[in-house]
N, C-alpha and C. Protein backbone atom coordinates (compact mmCIF):
# COMPACT_ATOMS: atom_id res chain seq x y z
N MET A 1 -63.53 -28.54 -103.99
CA MET A 1 -64.51 -28.29 -102.95
C MET A 1 -64.19 -27.22 -102.07
N GLN A 2 -65.28 -26.24 -101.75
CA GLN A 2 -65.62 -25.54 -100.70
C GLN A 2 -65.30 -26.04 -99.32
N ARG A 3 -65.09 -24.82 -98.50
CA ARG A 3 -64.99 -25.35 -96.99
C ARG A 3 -66.28 -25.41 -96.72
N ALA A 4 -67.18 -25.18 -97.19
CA ALA A 4 -68.66 -25.23 -96.23
C ALA A 4 -69.08 -26.86 -96.92
N ASP A 5 -68.80 -26.75 -98.06
CA ASP A 5 -69.12 -28.68 -98.57
C ASP A 5 -68.15 -29.57 -97.65
N ALA A 6 -67.15 -29.08 -97.38
CA ALA A 6 -66.48 -30.27 -96.65
C ALA A 6 -66.57 -30.22 -95.32
N ASP A 7 -67.02 -29.06 -94.66
CA ASP A 7 -67.63 -29.40 -93.31
C ASP A 7 -68.96 -30.33 -93.08
N TRP A 8 -69.86 -29.96 -94.32
CA TRP A 8 -70.91 -30.97 -94.45
C TRP A 8 -70.68 -32.04 -94.60
N TYR A 9 -69.71 -32.42 -95.60
CA TYR A 9 -69.64 -33.86 -95.71
C TYR A 9 -69.02 -34.40 -94.58
N ALA A 10 -68.11 -33.74 -93.76
CA ALA A 10 -67.44 -34.42 -92.12
C ALA A 10 -68.64 -34.33 -90.93
N ARG A 11 -69.61 -33.34 -90.99
CA ARG A 11 -70.70 -33.41 -90.31
C ARG A 11 -71.63 -34.92 -90.86
N ARG A 12 -71.90 -34.94 -92.05
CA ARG A 12 -72.73 -36.22 -92.43
C ARG A 12 -72.21 -37.50 -91.92
N HIS A 13 -70.79 -37.58 -92.23
CA HIS A 13 -69.95 -38.84 -91.75
C HIS A 13 -70.08 -39.09 -90.48
N VAL A 14 -69.74 -38.11 -89.97
CA VAL A 14 -70.06 -38.25 -88.35
C VAL A 14 -71.45 -38.85 -87.74
N THR A 15 -72.64 -38.17 -88.35
CA THR A 15 -73.57 -38.69 -88.00
C THR A 15 -74.16 -40.00 -88.70
N ILE A 16 -73.79 -40.04 -89.52
CA ILE A 16 -73.85 -41.71 -90.26
C ILE A 16 -73.12 -42.60 -89.15
N LEU A 17 -72.09 -42.29 -88.65
CA LEU A 17 -71.41 -43.45 -87.71
C LEU A 17 -72.15 -43.31 -86.50
N PHE A 18 -72.81 -41.71 -86.15
CA PHE A 18 -73.28 -42.46 -84.67
C PHE A 18 -74.88 -43.08 -84.57
N ASP A 19 -75.27 -42.73 -86.20
CA ASP A 19 -76.74 -43.37 -86.19
C ASP A 19 -76.01 -45.18 -86.45
N LEU A 20 -75.02 -45.73 -86.78
CA LEU A 20 -74.62 -46.97 -87.12
C LEU A 20 -74.50 -47.53 -85.66
N SER A 21 -73.87 -46.73 -84.75
CA SER A 21 -73.57 -47.18 -83.37
C SER A 21 -74.48 -47.74 -82.62
N ASN A 22 -75.88 -47.41 -82.83
CA ASN A 22 -76.94 -47.83 -82.24
C ASN A 22 -77.80 -49.31 -82.87
N ALA A 23 -77.60 -49.26 -84.13
CA ALA A 23 -77.95 -50.65 -84.67
C ALA A 23 -77.68 -51.76 -84.17
N ASP A 24 -78.45 -52.89 -84.41
CA ASP A 24 -78.66 -54.29 -83.57
C ASP A 24 -77.70 -54.75 -84.86
N CYS A 25 -77.62 -54.68 -85.93
CA CYS A 25 -77.15 -55.10 -86.99
C CYS A 25 -76.08 -55.04 -87.72
N VAL A 26 -75.40 -54.23 -86.83
CA VAL A 26 -74.02 -53.59 -87.43
C VAL A 26 -72.99 -54.36 -86.71
N PRO A 27 -71.88 -54.89 -87.40
CA PRO A 27 -70.81 -55.21 -86.76
C PRO A 27 -70.10 -54.59 -85.58
N ASN A 28 -69.30 -55.33 -84.88
CA ASN A 28 -68.78 -54.82 -83.44
C ASN A 28 -67.88 -53.42 -84.22
N VAL A 29 -67.37 -53.98 -85.41
CA VAL A 29 -65.90 -52.99 -85.89
C VAL A 29 -66.61 -51.67 -86.07
N VAL A 30 -67.87 -52.05 -86.83
CA VAL A 30 -68.30 -50.55 -87.13
C VAL A 30 -68.95 -49.49 -85.83
N ARG A 31 -69.26 -50.45 -84.69
CA ARG A 31 -69.77 -49.91 -83.63
C ARG A 31 -68.56 -49.12 -82.72
N SER A 32 -67.48 -49.83 -82.77
CA SER A 32 -66.27 -49.47 -82.22
C SER A 32 -65.51 -47.99 -82.86
N MET A 33 -65.84 -48.01 -84.69
CA MET A 33 -65.48 -47.04 -85.22
C MET A 33 -66.23 -45.65 -84.87
N ALA A 34 -67.73 -45.78 -84.56
CA ALA A 34 -68.30 -44.87 -84.44
C ALA A 34 -68.26 -44.37 -82.98
N ALA A 35 -67.80 -45.31 -81.83
CA ALA A 35 -67.71 -44.98 -80.64
C ALA A 35 -66.28 -43.97 -80.67
N LYS A 36 -65.49 -44.11 -81.33
CA LYS A 36 -63.84 -43.78 -81.40
C LYS A 36 -64.16 -42.01 -81.89
N GLU A 37 -65.10 -42.41 -83.16
CA GLU A 37 -65.49 -40.84 -84.09
C GLU A 37 -66.14 -40.20 -82.96
N LYS A 38 -67.12 -40.85 -81.95
CA LYS A 38 -67.75 -40.06 -81.09
C LYS A 38 -66.86 -39.26 -80.10
N SER A 39 -65.85 -39.96 -79.44
CA SER A 39 -65.02 -39.91 -78.65
C SER A 39 -64.18 -38.52 -78.89
N ASP A 40 -63.74 -38.70 -80.31
CA ASP A 40 -62.97 -37.75 -80.91
C ASP A 40 -63.32 -36.21 -81.18
N SER A 41 -64.77 -36.95 -81.53
CA SER A 41 -65.80 -35.49 -81.74
C SER A 41 -65.99 -34.41 -79.94
N ASP A 42 -65.84 -35.52 -79.23
CA ASP A 42 -66.15 -34.67 -77.71
C ASP A 42 -64.73 -34.01 -77.50
N LEU A 43 -63.87 -34.19 -78.14
CA LEU A 43 -62.31 -33.59 -78.09
C LEU A 43 -62.46 -32.03 -78.67
N SER A 44 -62.07 -30.79 -77.96
CA SER A 44 -61.73 -29.70 -78.76
C SER A 44 -60.72 -29.80 -79.85
N LEU A 45 -61.03 -28.55 -80.45
CA LEU A 45 -59.63 -28.93 -81.70
C LEU A 45 -58.61 -28.68 -81.34
N ASP A 46 -58.42 -27.94 -80.42
CA ASP A 46 -57.11 -27.83 -79.91
C ASP A 46 -56.42 -28.99 -79.14
N GLU A 47 -57.18 -29.68 -78.59
CA GLU A 47 -56.97 -31.18 -77.82
C GLU A 47 -56.86 -31.81 -78.94
N GLN A 48 -57.59 -32.19 -79.73
CA GLN A 48 -57.41 -33.02 -81.06
C GLN A 48 -56.06 -32.99 -81.65
N ARG A 49 -55.71 -31.47 -81.87
CA ARG A 49 -54.41 -31.07 -82.49
C ARG A 49 -53.27 -31.52 -81.58
N THR A 50 -53.50 -31.44 -80.53
CA THR A 50 -52.41 -31.51 -79.72
C THR A 50 -52.18 -32.86 -79.68
N GLU A 51 -53.01 -34.06 -79.54
CA GLU A 51 -52.78 -35.53 -79.28
C GLU A 51 -52.43 -35.94 -80.88
N LEU A 52 -52.77 -35.50 -82.00
CA LEU A 52 -52.37 -35.32 -83.04
C LEU A 52 -50.71 -35.09 -83.40
N ALA A 53 -50.08 -34.26 -82.48
CA ALA A 53 -49.06 -33.50 -82.71
C ALA A 53 -48.02 -34.47 -81.63
N ALA A 54 -48.57 -35.01 -80.39
CA ALA A 54 -47.96 -36.24 -79.80
C ALA A 54 -47.79 -37.66 -80.22
N ARG A 55 -49.00 -37.82 -81.27
CA ARG A 55 -48.64 -38.88 -81.92
C ARG A 55 -47.48 -39.13 -83.00
N ARG A 56 -47.37 -37.75 -83.51
CA ARG A 56 -46.39 -37.42 -84.64
C ARG A 56 -45.00 -37.35 -84.20
N THR A 57 -45.04 -36.74 -83.05
CA THR A 57 -43.78 -36.87 -82.18
C THR A 57 -43.30 -38.31 -81.80
N ARG A 58 -44.25 -39.25 -81.51
CA ARG A 58 -43.96 -40.43 -81.01
C ARG A 58 -43.49 -41.02 -82.33
N ASP A 59 -44.40 -41.29 -83.23
CA ASP A 59 -43.82 -41.86 -84.78
C ASP A 59 -42.26 -41.33 -84.91
N ALA A 60 -42.21 -40.19 -84.71
CA ALA A 60 -40.79 -39.38 -85.15
C ALA A 60 -39.79 -40.11 -84.37
N LEU A 61 -40.02 -40.23 -83.25
CA LEU A 61 -39.16 -40.79 -82.14
C LEU A 61 -39.05 -42.57 -82.68
N GLU A 62 -40.20 -43.01 -83.31
CA GLU A 62 -39.79 -44.53 -83.74
C GLU A 62 -38.84 -44.47 -85.10
N ARG A 63 -39.11 -43.47 -85.62
CA ARG A 63 -38.23 -43.56 -86.90
C ARG A 63 -36.84 -43.31 -87.04
N THR A 64 -36.14 -42.11 -85.77
CA THR A 64 -35.05 -41.87 -85.47
C THR A 64 -34.43 -43.21 -85.02
N LEU A 65 -35.14 -43.71 -83.98
CA LEU A 65 -34.42 -44.71 -83.45
C LEU A 65 -34.22 -45.95 -84.53
N MET A 66 -35.23 -46.13 -85.37
CA MET A 66 -35.16 -47.46 -86.62
C MET A 66 -33.79 -46.52 -87.44
N SER A 67 -33.61 -45.57 -87.70
CA SER A 67 -32.52 -45.08 -88.33
C SER A 67 -31.31 -45.40 -87.62
N TRP A 68 -31.08 -45.35 -86.34
CA TRP A 68 -30.03 -45.55 -85.65
C TRP A 68 -29.82 -47.12 -85.81
N ILE A 69 -30.86 -47.81 -85.89
CA ILE A 69 -30.71 -49.26 -85.87
C ILE A 69 -29.73 -49.73 -87.40
N ARG A 70 -30.44 -49.04 -88.17
CA ARG A 70 -29.75 -49.46 -89.49
C ARG A 70 -28.17 -48.70 -89.42
N THR A 71 -27.82 -47.44 -88.81
CA THR A 71 -26.61 -47.23 -89.01
C THR A 71 -25.63 -48.10 -88.19
N ALA A 72 -26.19 -48.45 -86.67
CA ALA A 72 -25.60 -49.33 -85.84
C ALA A 72 -25.14 -50.73 -86.59
N LEU A 73 -26.13 -51.28 -87.21
CA LEU A 73 -26.02 -52.59 -88.24
C LEU A 73 -24.99 -52.34 -89.14
N ALA A 74 -25.16 -51.07 -90.01
CA ALA A 74 -24.44 -51.07 -90.61
C ALA A 74 -22.71 -51.05 -90.32
N MET A 75 -22.58 -50.31 -89.35
CA MET A 75 -21.07 -50.47 -88.57
C MET A 75 -21.01 -51.64 -88.40
N VAL A 76 -21.65 -52.48 -87.49
CA VAL A 76 -21.40 -53.91 -87.03
C VAL A 76 -21.32 -54.78 -88.19
N SER A 77 -21.81 -54.44 -88.90
CA SER A 77 -21.29 -55.55 -90.29
C SER A 77 -20.28 -55.16 -91.10
N TYR A 78 -19.81 -53.83 -91.32
CA TYR A 78 -18.81 -53.59 -91.50
C TYR A 78 -17.68 -53.96 -91.00
N GLY A 79 -17.84 -53.67 -89.60
CA GLY A 79 -16.53 -54.03 -88.84
C GLY A 79 -16.22 -55.42 -89.03
N PHE A 80 -17.35 -56.24 -88.58
CA PHE A 80 -17.26 -57.82 -88.48
C PHE A 80 -16.72 -58.32 -89.71
N GLY A 81 -17.31 -57.96 -90.89
CA GLY A 81 -17.02 -57.97 -92.52
C GLY A 81 -15.45 -58.02 -92.71
N LEU A 82 -15.10 -57.04 -92.33
CA LEU A 82 -13.59 -56.55 -92.46
C LEU A 82 -12.58 -57.41 -91.90
N PHE A 83 -13.21 -57.84 -90.42
CA PHE A 83 -12.13 -58.71 -89.76
C PHE A 83 -12.38 -59.98 -90.27
N LYS A 84 -13.27 -60.39 -90.73
CA LYS A 84 -13.20 -62.11 -91.30
C LYS A 84 -12.22 -61.72 -92.53
N VAL A 85 -12.51 -61.12 -93.30
CA VAL A 85 -11.57 -60.84 -94.72
C VAL A 85 -10.16 -60.76 -94.22
N LEU A 86 -9.91 -59.46 -93.40
CA LEU A 86 -8.62 -59.63 -92.96
C LEU A 86 -7.95 -60.96 -92.30
N GLN A 87 -8.92 -61.78 -91.58
CA GLN A 87 -8.38 -63.36 -90.97
C GLN A 87 -8.09 -64.15 -92.24
N TYR A 88 -9.22 -63.75 -92.99
CA TYR A 88 -9.01 -65.19 -93.91
C TYR A 88 -7.67 -64.69 -94.88
N MET A 89 -7.59 -63.48 -94.94
CA MET A 89 -6.12 -63.06 -95.83
C MET A 89 -5.08 -63.48 -95.12
N ALA A 90 -5.32 -63.47 -94.06
CA ALA A 90 -3.65 -63.69 -93.13
C ALA A 90 -3.90 -65.26 -93.53
N LYS A 91 -4.93 -66.11 -92.92
CA LYS A 91 -4.76 -67.40 -92.83
C LYS A 91 -3.99 -67.85 -94.36
N ALA A 92 -4.06 -67.60 -95.66
CA ALA A 92 -3.84 -67.71 -96.58
C ALA A 92 -2.59 -67.55 -97.05
N GLU A 93 -1.98 -66.14 -96.50
CA GLU A 93 -0.72 -66.02 -96.67
C GLU A 93 0.43 -66.81 -95.89
N ARG A 94 -0.05 -66.60 -94.45
CA ARG A 94 0.64 -67.44 -93.80
C ARG A 94 0.20 -68.74 -92.93
N GLY A 95 -0.77 -68.82 -93.33
CA GLY A 95 -1.17 -70.50 -93.07
C GLY A 95 -1.35 -70.11 -91.11
N GLU A 96 -1.42 -69.19 -90.73
CA GLU A 96 -1.99 -68.93 -89.17
C GLU A 96 -2.93 -68.05 -88.91
N GLN A 97 -3.46 -67.66 -87.94
CA GLN A 97 -4.25 -67.03 -87.54
C GLN A 97 -3.71 -65.61 -87.23
N LEU A 98 -4.50 -64.51 -87.18
CA LEU A 98 -3.89 -62.96 -87.07
C LEU A 98 -3.90 -63.10 -85.55
N SER A 99 -2.83 -62.53 -85.11
CA SER A 99 -2.94 -62.05 -83.64
C SER A 99 -3.64 -60.75 -83.44
N HIS A 100 -3.47 -60.00 -82.38
CA HIS A 100 -3.86 -58.81 -82.18
C HIS A 100 -3.06 -57.88 -83.43
N SER A 101 -3.66 -57.09 -84.06
CA SER A 101 -3.06 -56.21 -84.73
C SER A 101 -3.68 -55.08 -85.00
N GLY A 102 -3.03 -54.13 -85.82
CA GLY A 102 -3.90 -52.75 -85.99
C GLY A 102 -5.38 -53.26 -86.58
N SER A 103 -5.62 -53.91 -87.55
CA SER A 103 -6.80 -54.43 -87.82
C SER A 103 -8.02 -54.60 -87.18
N ASP A 104 -7.41 -55.66 -86.03
CA ASP A 104 -8.17 -55.95 -84.99
C ASP A 104 -8.87 -54.33 -84.33
N ILE A 105 -7.87 -53.49 -84.04
CA ILE A 105 -8.60 -52.39 -83.30
C ILE A 105 -9.52 -52.19 -84.43
N VAL A 106 -9.08 -51.55 -85.35
CA VAL A 106 -9.76 -50.76 -86.19
C VAL A 106 -11.46 -51.39 -86.38
N THR A 107 -11.62 -52.77 -86.45
CA THR A 107 -12.71 -53.53 -86.69
C THR A 107 -13.37 -53.52 -85.30
N ALA A 108 -12.56 -53.31 -84.29
CA ALA A 108 -13.37 -53.27 -82.72
C ALA A 108 -13.86 -52.07 -82.53
N LEU A 109 -13.18 -51.05 -83.04
CA LEU A 109 -13.64 -50.00 -83.06
C LEU A 109 -14.79 -49.51 -83.57
N LEU A 110 -14.93 -49.83 -84.76
CA LEU A 110 -16.33 -49.77 -85.48
C LEU A 110 -17.45 -50.48 -85.02
N ILE A 111 -16.87 -51.85 -84.45
CA ILE A 111 -18.08 -52.77 -84.14
C ILE A 111 -18.49 -52.12 -82.88
N GLY A 112 -17.91 -51.49 -81.65
CA GLY A 112 -17.90 -51.13 -80.39
C GLY A 112 -18.65 -49.87 -80.76
N MET A 113 -18.39 -48.97 -81.47
CA MET A 113 -18.95 -47.52 -82.00
C MET A 113 -20.28 -47.64 -82.36
N GLY A 114 -20.29 -48.53 -83.04
CA GLY A 114 -21.88 -49.06 -83.85
C GLY A 114 -22.80 -49.78 -82.59
N THR A 115 -22.30 -50.24 -81.51
CA THR A 115 -23.06 -51.39 -80.48
C THR A 115 -23.43 -49.53 -79.46
N GLY A 116 -22.07 -48.99 -79.27
CA GLY A 116 -22.18 -47.76 -78.18
C GLY A 116 -23.47 -46.95 -78.72
N LEU A 117 -23.33 -46.33 -79.77
CA LEU A 117 -24.34 -45.41 -80.61
C LEU A 117 -25.60 -45.96 -80.08
N LEU A 118 -25.83 -47.15 -80.59
CA LEU A 118 -27.03 -47.65 -80.79
C LEU A 118 -27.72 -47.93 -79.04
N ILE A 119 -26.63 -47.90 -78.30
CA ILE A 119 -27.58 -48.25 -77.08
C ILE A 119 -27.87 -46.75 -76.19
N VAL A 120 -26.97 -45.89 -76.86
CA VAL A 120 -27.31 -44.35 -76.51
C VAL A 120 -28.41 -44.18 -77.22
N ALA A 121 -28.54 -43.86 -78.51
CA ALA A 121 -30.15 -44.15 -79.10
C ALA A 121 -31.08 -44.84 -78.77
N MET A 122 -30.89 -45.76 -77.78
CA MET A 122 -32.16 -46.62 -77.24
C MET A 122 -32.43 -45.82 -75.95
N VAL A 123 -31.43 -45.56 -75.14
CA VAL A 123 -31.76 -44.83 -73.90
C VAL A 123 -32.64 -43.64 -74.13
N GLN A 124 -31.97 -42.79 -75.51
CA GLN A 124 -32.68 -41.43 -75.26
C GLN A 124 -34.09 -41.65 -76.24
N TYR A 125 -34.26 -42.57 -76.88
CA TYR A 125 -35.80 -42.91 -77.04
C TYR A 125 -36.48 -43.20 -75.97
N TRP A 126 -35.78 -43.91 -75.30
CA TRP A 126 -36.78 -44.39 -73.63
C TRP A 126 -37.01 -43.21 -73.04
N VAL A 127 -35.86 -42.49 -73.22
CA VAL A 127 -36.20 -41.07 -72.05
C VAL A 127 -37.64 -40.63 -72.52
N ALA A 128 -37.39 -40.20 -73.86
CA ALA A 128 -37.84 -39.12 -74.66
C ALA A 128 -39.51 -39.77 -74.79
N MET A 129 -39.84 -41.03 -74.92
CA MET A 129 -40.97 -41.59 -74.71
C MET A 129 -41.70 -41.72 -73.37
N ARG A 130 -40.90 -41.72 -72.36
CA ARG A 130 -41.57 -41.78 -71.07
C ARG A 130 -41.96 -40.52 -70.75
N GLU A 131 -41.10 -39.03 -71.12
CA GLU A 131 -41.70 -38.12 -70.95
C GLU A 131 -42.94 -37.62 -71.77
N LEU A 132 -42.97 -38.09 -73.19
CA LEU A 132 -44.12 -37.78 -73.85
C LEU A 132 -45.15 -38.38 -73.08
N ARG A 133 -45.23 -39.74 -73.09
CA ARG A 133 -46.59 -40.61 -72.30
C ARG A 133 -46.81 -39.79 -70.88
N LYS A 134 -45.69 -39.45 -70.37
CA LYS A 134 -46.01 -38.37 -69.20
C LYS A 134 -46.55 -37.15 -69.11
N GLU A 135 -46.17 -36.26 -70.32
CA GLU A 135 -46.70 -34.72 -70.46
C GLU A 135 -48.18 -34.96 -71.30
N GLN A 136 -48.02 -35.87 -72.28
CA GLN A 136 -49.17 -35.85 -73.39
C GLN A 136 -50.41 -36.79 -72.96
N GLY A 137 -50.24 -37.90 -72.28
CA GLY A 137 -50.87 -38.88 -71.71
C GLY A 137 -51.30 -39.61 -73.06
N LEU A 138 -50.16 -40.02 -73.77
CA LEU A 138 -50.06 -41.12 -74.34
C LEU A 138 -50.38 -42.54 -74.11
N GLU A 139 -51.34 -43.41 -74.69
CA GLU A 139 -51.31 -44.72 -74.18
C GLU A 139 -49.87 -45.72 -74.89
N ALA A 140 -49.52 -46.24 -73.56
CA ALA A 140 -48.39 -47.00 -73.81
C ALA A 140 -48.79 -48.05 -75.14
N ARG A 141 -47.78 -48.29 -75.67
CA ARG A 141 -47.86 -49.46 -76.80
C ARG A 141 -46.29 -50.42 -77.09
N PHE A 142 -46.49 -51.35 -77.37
CA PHE A 142 -45.50 -52.26 -77.55
C PHE A 142 -44.31 -51.33 -78.37
N PRO A 143 -43.18 -51.71 -77.68
CA PRO A 143 -41.95 -50.75 -78.13
C PRO A 143 -41.05 -51.51 -79.36
N LEU A 144 -41.58 -52.01 -80.15
CA LEU A 144 -41.27 -52.89 -81.25
C LEU A 144 -40.25 -52.16 -81.84
N PRO A 145 -39.88 -50.84 -82.28
CA PRO A 145 -38.22 -50.48 -82.56
C PRO A 145 -37.25 -50.70 -81.45
N LEU A 146 -37.63 -50.57 -79.93
CA LEU A 146 -36.65 -50.73 -78.87
C LEU A 146 -36.42 -52.34 -78.78
N VAL A 147 -36.96 -53.40 -79.13
CA VAL A 147 -36.77 -54.33 -79.42
C VAL A 147 -36.21 -55.31 -80.53
N GLY A 148 -36.04 -54.51 -81.50
CA GLY A 148 -35.42 -54.61 -82.62
C GLY A 148 -33.93 -54.04 -82.37
N ALA A 149 -33.62 -52.55 -81.92
CA ALA A 149 -32.45 -52.40 -81.30
C ALA A 149 -32.05 -53.38 -80.36
N THR A 150 -32.70 -53.83 -79.30
CA THR A 150 -32.19 -54.64 -78.70
C THR A 150 -31.43 -55.91 -78.94
N GLY A 151 -32.21 -56.13 -79.98
CA GLY A 151 -31.50 -57.59 -80.68
C GLY A 151 -30.19 -57.03 -81.71
N VAL A 152 -30.18 -55.97 -82.28
CA VAL A 152 -29.16 -55.73 -83.15
C VAL A 152 -27.99 -55.04 -82.02
N ALA A 153 -28.08 -54.78 -80.68
CA ALA A 153 -27.05 -54.23 -79.98
C ALA A 153 -26.87 -55.47 -79.28
N LEU A 154 -27.31 -56.78 -79.16
CA LEU A 154 -26.96 -58.04 -78.85
C LEU A 154 -25.93 -58.58 -79.86
N VAL A 155 -26.28 -58.80 -81.20
CA VAL A 155 -25.53 -58.98 -82.00
C VAL A 155 -24.19 -58.08 -81.96
N GLY A 156 -24.02 -56.81 -81.71
CA GLY A 156 -22.87 -56.02 -81.96
C GLY A 156 -22.37 -56.62 -80.46
N VAL A 157 -22.74 -56.58 -79.38
CA VAL A 157 -21.98 -57.09 -78.43
C VAL A 157 -21.29 -58.44 -78.78
N PHE A 158 -22.11 -59.43 -79.17
CA PHE A 158 -21.41 -60.86 -79.56
C PHE A 158 -20.11 -60.95 -80.43
N ALA A 159 -20.14 -59.99 -81.72
CA ALA A 159 -19.49 -59.35 -82.68
C ALA A 159 -18.37 -59.18 -82.22
N LEU A 160 -18.32 -58.26 -81.34
CA LEU A 160 -17.43 -57.32 -80.49
C LEU A 160 -16.39 -58.53 -79.77
N MET A 161 -17.23 -59.25 -78.93
CA MET A 161 -16.48 -60.53 -78.14
C MET A 161 -15.74 -61.30 -78.92
N ASN A 162 -16.39 -61.40 -80.40
CA ASN A 162 -15.72 -62.59 -80.99
C ASN A 162 -14.18 -61.96 -81.81
N VAL A 163 -14.42 -60.85 -81.93
CA VAL A 163 -13.34 -60.14 -82.51
C VAL A 163 -12.07 -59.72 -81.20
N LEU A 164 -12.76 -59.72 -80.27
CA LEU A 164 -11.65 -59.28 -78.83
C LEU A 164 -11.12 -60.58 -78.41
N PHE A 165 -11.71 -61.64 -78.30
CA PHE A 165 -11.58 -62.68 -77.53
C PHE A 165 -11.51 -64.09 -78.12
N LEU A 166 -12.35 -64.42 -78.90
CA LEU A 166 -12.77 -65.53 -79.71
C LEU A 166 -11.76 -66.06 -80.74
N LYS A 167 -11.69 -65.40 -81.76
CA LYS A 167 -11.35 -65.32 -82.87
C LYS A 167 -11.44 -66.46 -83.47
N ILE A 168 -12.91 -66.80 -83.86
CA ILE A 168 -13.44 -67.74 -84.38
C ILE A 168 -13.47 -67.41 -85.90
């Protein structure tokens, strides 16, 4: 399709939506889509590109935080799993619980490092999102990745406390 044809189709799509936004028989969903198209078309091309770039940046920040969540969860899980395996092996060999040993230190370091890195990533995400909203005027939306990261960080804190103090 040539450029002129593509422009004609785009203009025709917007024209149809404008016409539909004034009809009484059209559902509200279509009217809201038409209003959105109309408001987007009021923006200049530079403003549209800037808004899209800001949205892509926000999405990239969310993906980065989710990557940190996966990494931290893996470190916490591996550390706690290693602790439990070593604890079970010590019980089987000696019939007693492990006292603080080198394995406890390694597992505590893994869990602590995973939890600490996740907390740093959460702060980094929060600061970057605040700057992005301030500079680009993005609308605030519910920070679902931040909620997930908080949950994983709490699991890490509880696992670390278990390894260091409770020995369950």
